[in-house]
Each structure stands twice: as structure tokens, then as C-alpha cells.
Amino acid sequence: MKIFIGITQNQEEIQRLLTYQGGTKDSLTELGPFLSQEDALLWLNHLKEKIRNLEELSSMENTSKDGGWYGFTFEQI
């Protein structure tokens, strides 16, 4: 089992990554919106410290200062 984690501004990107990585929908957890990228990164780094066996996914989307950020985790079995 592999656990993926990431942040994005586009919630549709989460579904794309879930499908691309072969993740299971029942294991998907979404958080947000975070008010800033910094807040989302704090959440991401906190989980990376707690759970060692994570693979971080980078969003392919362009980022902007406007809009919220969303965190996500899911499992690939």
C-alpha cells in the first residue's frame, strides 16, 4: 500500500491525480479550503512528519494568489 499526499488550488485536479495514480475513492480525504498556500503547506508538512511512508504529488496546475488551497490524501493498493 502506498499513501499519496498533495495540495492544489483546483479540486478537479485531485480527481485527475486519484485516477492517474490508481488510488481508491473510498480512501480519499480532502481538506480545505485553506486560506493560503502557506497554510496548506503547513498541513502537508505536519502530515509528512507524522506519517513517514508518504509520496508527495505535485499539482500540474498554475497557482495564483487568489482562491483557496485544498489538501488531499489517498491510498493506492
Protein backbone atom coordinates (compact mmCIF):
# COMPACT_ATOMS: atom_id res chain seq x y z
CA MET A 1 0.00 0.00 0.00
CA LYS A 2 1.23 3.47 -0.89
CA ILE A 3 -0.15 6.74 0.53
CA PHE A 4 -0.17 9.88 -1.61
CA ILE A 5 -0.46 13.45 -0.35
CA GLY A 6 -0.60 16.84 -2.02
CA ILE A 7 -2.07 20.31 -2.24
CA THR A 8 -3.74 22.10 -5.14
CA GLN A 9 -5.98 25.07 -5.90
CA ASN A 10 -8.13 23.04 -8.27
CA GLN A 11 -10.34 20.36 -6.73
CA GLU A 12 -10.77 18.71 -10.15
CA GLU A 13 -7.01 18.12 -10.14
CA ILE A 14 -7.47 15.86 -7.11
CA GLN A 15 -9.74 13.53 -9.09
CA ARG A 16 -7.30 13.52 -12.01
CA LEU A 17 -4.40 12.55 -9.72
CA LEU A 18 -6.52 9.91 -7.97
CA THR A 19 -7.35 8.29 -11.31
CA TYR A 20 -3.82 8.62 -12.71
CA GLN A 21 -2.19 7.06 -9.63
CA GLY A 22 -4.76 4.26 -9.32
CA GLY A 23 -5.96 5.47 -5.94
CA THR A 24 -9.11 4.25 -4.25
CA LYS A 25 -12.01 6.70 -3.88
CA ASP A 26 -13.01 5.28 -0.50
CA SER A 27 -9.56 6.19 0.88
CA LEU A 28 -9.66 9.78 -0.44
CA THR A 29 -9.57 12.53 2.18
CA GLU A 30 -9.90 16.16 1.10
CA LEU A 31 -9.33 19.18 3.35
CA GLY A 32 -9.89 22.83 2.74
CA PRO A 33 -10.10 25.33 1.55
CA PHE A 34 -7.02 26.65 3.27
CA LEU A 35 -6.80 30.45 3.04
CA SER A 36 -3.24 30.46 1.71
CA GLN A 37 -0.62 28.22 0.16
CA GLU A 38 1.43 28.67 3.33
CA ASP A 39 -1.40 27.23 5.46
CA ALA A 40 -1.77 24.29 3.07
CA LEU A 41 1.98 23.64 3.16
CA LEU A 42 1.95 23.69 6.97
CA TRP A 43 -0.73 20.97 6.92
CA LEU A 44 1.22 18.98 4.32
CA ASN A 45 4.49 19.19 6.25
CA HIS A 46 2.75 18.27 9.51
CA LEU A 47 1.42 15.04 7.98
CA LYS A 48 4.77 14.27 6.36
CA GLU A 49 6.38 14.43 9.82
CA LYS A 50 3.73 12.12 11.32
CA ILE A 51 3.49 9.57 8.51
CA ARG A 52 6.83 8.52 7.03
CA ASN A 53 5.58 6.41 4.13
CA LEU A 54 4.03 9.21 2.04
CA GLU A 55 4.64 10.11 -1.57
CA GLU A 56 4.04 13.78 -2.32
CA LEU A 57 2.27 14.62 -5.56
CA SER A 58 2.76 17.97 -7.27
CA SER A 59 -0.17 19.60 -8.97
CA MET A 60 0.30 20.37 -12.66
CA GLU A 61 -1.95 23.43 -12.39
CA ASN A 62 -0.67 27.00 -12.34
CA THR A 63 -1.03 28.68 -8.97
CA SER A 64 -2.42 32.10 -8.15
CA LYS A 65 -2.63 34.24 -5.05
CA ASP A 66 -6.42 34.26 -5.32
CA GLY A 67 -8.54 31.31 -4.31
CA GLY A 68 -8.29 28.64 -1.68
CA TRP A 69 -5.98 25.68 -1.42
CA TYR A 70 -7.05 22.08 -0.89
CA GLY A 71 -5.13 19.25 0.71
CA PHE A 72 -5.68 15.60 -0.11
CA THR A 73 -4.50 12.12 0.74
CA PHE A 74 -5.41 8.76 -0.76
CA GLU A 75 -4.17 5.17 -0.85
CA GLN A 76 -3.03 3.07 -3.76
CA ILE A 77 -3.39 -0.65 -3.10
